[in-house]
N, C-alpha and C. Protein backbone atom coordinates (compact mmCIF):
# COMPACT_ATOMS: atom_id res chain seq x y z
N UNK A 1 -38.30 7.07 7.71
CA UNK A 1 -37.25 8.29 7.13
C UNK A 1 -36.31 7.50 7.47
N UNK A 2 -35.78 7.39 5.65
CA UNK A 2 -34.77 6.32 5.70
C UNK A 2 -33.02 6.92 6.23
N UNK A 3 -32.44 6.17 6.09
CA UNK A 3 -30.39 6.67 6.31
C UNK A 3 -29.66 6.24 5.35
N UNK A 4 -28.49 7.45 5.63
CA UNK A 4 -27.99 7.02 4.93
C UNK A 4 -26.80 5.73 5.16
N UNK A 5 -26.41 5.57 4.38
CA UNK A 5 -25.28 4.01 4.34
C UNK A 5 -23.96 4.54 5.27
N UNK A 6 -23.13 4.62 6.05
CA UNK A 6 -21.72 5.11 6.49
C UNK A 6 -21.17 4.69 6.47
N UNK A 7 -21.08 4.12 4.93
CA UNK A 7 -19.76 3.82 3.96
C UNK A 7 -20.06 2.75 2.60
N UNK A 8 -19.40 3.23 1.42
CA UNK A 8 -19.47 1.77 0.99
C UNK A 8 -17.93 1.06 0.52
N UNK A 9 -18.17 -0.08 -0.26
CA UNK A 9 -17.01 -1.15 -0.41
C UNK A 9 -16.88 -1.24 -1.55
N UNK A 10 -15.30 -0.81 -2.10
CA UNK A 10 -14.94 -0.93 -3.70
C UNK A 10 -14.04 -2.02 -3.11
N UNK A 11 -14.36 -3.38 -3.89
CA UNK A 11 -12.99 -4.44 -3.98
C UNK A 11 -12.02 -3.90 -4.82
N UNK A 12 -11.14 -4.62 -4.27
CA UNK A 12 -9.46 -3.51 -5.14
C UNK A 12 -8.62 -5.68 -5.18
N UNK A 13 -8.59 -5.61 -6.91
CA UNK A 13 -8.00 -6.60 -6.53
C UNK A 13 -6.21 -6.91 -7.61
N UNK A 14 -5.41 -7.39 -7.79
CA UNK A 14 -5.07 -7.56 -6.29
C UNK A 14 -4.99 -6.31 -5.32
N UNK A 15 -4.67 -6.93 -3.82
CA UNK A 15 -4.73 -6.01 -2.79
C UNK A 15 -3.34 -6.67 -2.48
N UNK A 16 -2.80 -5.05 -2.98
CA UNK A 16 -1.16 -4.88 -2.22
C UNK A 16 -1.28 -3.55 -1.60
N UNK A 17 -1.16 -3.80 0.34
CA UNK A 17 -1.47 -2.67 1.12
C UNK A 17 -0.34 -1.64 0.71
N UNK A 18 0.32 -1.74 0.55
CA UNK A 18 2.18 -0.87 0.12
C UNK A 18 2.09 -0.13 -0.88
N UNK A 19 1.32 -0.78 -1.86
CA UNK A 19 0.70 0.28 -2.67
C UNK A 19 -0.24 1.41 -2.44
N UNK A 20 -1.18 0.43 -2.07
CA UNK A 20 -2.45 1.27 -1.95
C UNK A 20 -2.40 2.85 -1.20
N UNK A 21 -1.54 2.12 0.05
CA UNK A 21 -1.06 3.55 1.33
C UNK A 21 -0.01 4.44 -0.32
N UNK A 22 0.81 3.62 -0.48
CA UNK A 22 2.10 5.08 -1.57
C UNK A 22 1.00 5.47 -2.61
N UNK A 23 -0.38 5.14 -3.19
CA UNK A 23 -0.67 5.54 -4.13
C UNK A 23 -2.21 7.04 -3.39
N UNK A 24 -2.52 6.31 -2.21
CA UNK A 24 -3.91 7.48 -1.39
C UNK A 24 -2.57 8.47 -1.19
N UNK A 25 -1.39 7.95 -0.37
CA UNK A 25 -0.08 9.03 0.28
C UNK A 25 -0.37 10.55 -0.75
N UNK A 26 -0.18 10.30 -1.91
CA UNK A 26 0.52 10.73 -2.66
C UNK A 26 -1.20 11.56 -3.55
N UNK A 27 -1.71 11.87 -3.52
CA UNK A 27 -3.69 11.93 -2.95
C UNK A 27 -3.69 12.61 -2.17
N UNK A 28 -2.47 12.87 -1.04
CA UNK A 28 -3.26 13.13 0.27
C UNK A 28 -4.22 12.72 1.07
N UNK A 29 -4.39 11.56 0.54
CA UNK A 29 -6.17 10.76 1.84
C UNK A 29 -5.18 9.62 2.47
N UNK A 30 -5.50 9.53 4.14
CA UNK A 30 -5.01 8.88 5.38
C UNK A 30 -5.66 7.73 4.99
N UNK A 31 -5.02 6.54 5.23
CA UNK A 31 -5.17 5.03 4.38
C UNK A 31 -5.41 4.92 6.38
N UNK A 32 -6.70 3.93 6.65
CA UNK A 32 -6.81 3.73 8.31
C UNK A 32 -5.52 2.48 8.24
N UNK A 33 -5.65 1.61 9.53
CA UNK A 33 -4.57 0.66 9.93
C UNK A 33 -5.80 -0.09 9.17
N UNK A 34 -5.28 -1.25 8.78
CA UNK A 34 -5.10 -2.39 8.19
C UNK A 34 -5.91 -3.42 9.18
N UNK A 35 -7.12 -3.93 8.49
CA UNK A 35 -8.12 -4.79 9.26
C UNK A 35 -8.74 -6.18 8.66
N UNK A 36 -8.93 -7.04 9.35
CA UNK A 36 -9.40 -8.74 8.47
C UNK A 36 -10.43 -8.06 8.60
N UNK A 37 -11.61 -7.83 7.69
CA UNK A 37 -12.77 -7.40 7.88
C UNK A 37 -14.02 -8.64 7.27
N UNK A 38 -15.14 -9.44 7.59
CA UNK A 38 -15.69 -10.23 6.66
C UNK A 38 -16.72 -9.05 5.68
N UNK A 39 -17.20 -9.89 4.37
CA UNK A 39 -17.53 -9.28 4.03
C UNK A 39 -18.56 -10.57 2.99
N UNK A 40 -19.42 -10.45 1.52
CA UNK A 40 -20.60 -11.25 1.57
C UNK A 40 -19.20 -12.46 0.60
N UNK A 41 -18.11 -11.93 0.66
CA UNK A 41 -17.78 -13.52 0.60
C UNK A 41 -16.51 -14.10 0.84
N UNK A 42 -16.76 -13.77 2.40
CA UNK A 42 -15.19 -14.51 3.68
C UNK A 42 -14.82 -12.94 3.88
N UNK A 43 -13.43 -13.75 5.09
CA UNK A 43 -13.16 -12.38 5.46
C UNK A 43 -11.51 -12.69 4.67
N UNK A 44 -11.55 -10.92 4.80
CA UNK A 44 -9.79 -10.59 4.14
C UNK A 44 -9.83 -9.02 4.64
N UNK A 45 -8.82 -8.74 3.64
CA UNK A 45 -7.95 -7.05 4.09
C UNK A 45 -9.28 -6.58 3.14
N UNK A 46 -9.39 -5.38 4.52
CA UNK A 46 -9.41 -4.35 3.77
C UNK A 46 -9.05 -2.54 5.04
N UNK A 47 -9.16 -1.76 4.08
CA UNK A 47 -9.09 -0.60 4.89
C UNK A 47 -9.90 0.51 4.75
N UNK A 48 -10.09 1.90 5.27
CA UNK A 48 -11.22 2.67 5.04
C UNK A 48 -10.55 3.62 5.07
N UNK A 49 -11.01 4.98 3.75
CA UNK A 49 -10.43 6.65 3.77
C UNK A 49 -11.79 7.05 3.51
N UNK A 50 -11.06 8.90 3.88
CA UNK A 50 -12.46 9.65 3.79
C UNK A 50 -12.02 10.00 2.83
N UNK A 51 -13.35 9.87 1.68
CA UNK A 51 -13.44 10.93 0.10
C UNK A 51 -13.18 12.13 0.97
N UNK A 52 -13.32 12.94 -0.70
CA UNK A 52 -12.82 14.21 -0.77
C UNK A 52 -13.88 14.69 -0.09
N UNK A 53 -15.51 14.64 -0.67
CA UNK A 53 -16.57 15.28 0.34
C UNK A 53 -17.01 14.27 1.65
N UNK A 54 -16.23 13.94 2.43
CA UNK A 54 -16.42 13.38 3.04
C UNK A 54 -17.23 12.31 4.08
N UNK A 55 -17.04 10.86 2.77
CA UNK A 55 -17.55 10.09 2.49
C UNK A 55 -16.57 8.88 2.98
N UNK A 56 -16.96 7.78 3.62
CA UNK A 56 -16.22 6.65 3.86
C UNK A 56 -16.04 5.50 3.45
N UNK A 57 -14.99 4.96 2.43
CA UNK A 57 -14.49 4.04 1.68
C UNK A 57 -13.98 2.93 2.69
N UNK A 58 -15.03 2.01 2.19
CA UNK A 58 -13.43 1.07 2.69
C UNK A 58 -13.36 0.42 1.46
N UNK A 59 -12.13 -0.14 1.22
CA UNK A 59 -10.57 -1.00 0.01
C UNK A 59 -10.91 -2.03 0.50
N UNK A 60 -11.39 -3.16 -0.22
CA UNK A 60 -11.23 -4.31 0.21
C UNK A 60 -10.92 -5.69 -0.72
N UNK A 61 -9.50 -6.45 -0.06
CA UNK A 61 -9.35 -7.00 -0.99
C UNK A 61 -9.94 -8.65 -1.33
N UNK A 62 -9.23 -9.34 -1.58
CA UNK A 62 -10.01 -10.37 -1.77
C UNK A 62 -9.59 -11.35 -1.23
N UNK A 63 -11.23 -12.05 -0.06
CA UNK A 63 -10.98 -12.76 0.64
C UNK A 63 -10.04 -13.53 1.15
N UNK A 64 -8.72 -14.12 2.66
CA UNK A 64 -8.41 -15.34 3.20
C UNK A 64 -9.30 -16.31 3.16
N UNK A 65 -10.24 -15.81 3.57
CA UNK A 65 -11.11 -17.07 4.54
C UNK A 65 -12.91 -17.22 4.19
N UNK A 66 -12.78 -17.37 2.62
CA UNK A 66 -13.89 -17.87 1.55
C UNK A 66 -14.84 -17.92 2.36
N UNK A 67 -16.34 -17.31 1.99
CA UNK A 67 -17.51 -18.00 2.51
C UNK A 67 -17.94 -19.45 1.71
N UNK A 68 -18.29 -20.07 3.04
CA UNK A 68 -18.66 -21.53 2.13
C UNK A 68 -20.16 -21.76 2.04
N UNK A 69 -20.04 -21.80 0.90
CA UNK A 69 -22.63 -21.76 0.79
C UNK A 69 -22.67 -23.31 1.46
N UNK A 70 -21.52 -24.35 0.82
CA UNK A 70 -22.23 -25.98 1.34
C UNK A 70 -23.00 -25.92 2.88
N UNK A 71 -22.25 -25.02 3.71
CA UNK A 71 -22.09 -24.84 4.79
C UNK A 71 -23.09 -23.72 5.50
N UNK A 72 -23.81 -22.92 4.63
CA UNK A 72 -23.76 -21.56 4.81
C UNK A 72 -23.19 -20.72 5.99
N UNK A 73 -21.70 -20.86 6.80
CA UNK A 73 -20.85 -20.31 7.25
C UNK A 73 -19.79 -19.57 7.01
N UNK A 74 -18.93 -18.86 7.70
CA UNK A 74 -17.73 -18.72 7.06
C UNK A 74 -16.81 -18.92 8.21
N UNK A 75 -15.62 -19.57 7.54
CA UNK A 75 -15.17 -20.24 8.99
C UNK A 75 -13.93 -19.38 9.60
N UNK A 76 -13.28 -19.89 10.76
CA UNK A 76 -13.02 -19.17 11.75
C UNK A 76 -11.61 -19.30 11.00
N UNK A 77 -10.98 -18.07 11.36
CA UNK A 77 -9.13 -18.45 11.28
C UNK A 77 -9.08 -19.20 12.13
N UNK A 78 -7.44 -20.72 12.09
CA UNK A 78 -7.01 -20.73 13.00
C UNK A 78 -5.58 -20.89 12.81
N UNK A 79 -4.53 -21.13 14.26
CA UNK A 79 -3.75 -20.07 14.48
C UNK A 79 -2.66 -20.50 13.93
N UNK A 80 -2.76 -21.26 12.43
CA UNK A 80 -1.41 -21.76 11.57
C UNK A 80 -1.80 -21.92 10.34
N UNK A 81 -2.82 -20.21 9.91
CA UNK A 81 -3.11 -19.85 8.75
C UNK A 81 -5.09 -19.35 8.83
């Protein structure tokens, strides 16, 4: 038997955290804390919301640390950036 996905992701560009929070608040949608999550193209900002029928949605921005296909890994962030 199959399982449903626990969330889906929407890529937002540009990713402006404050603007997104204001938009969600205007529509009575609570945005969870900002995270830096891995995605298919690297690590970048994301936040989770819950839709009106209970679906979890990840709203994700462009990567701060892009995936490098030449070496097939995603570099870890360094202390300076």
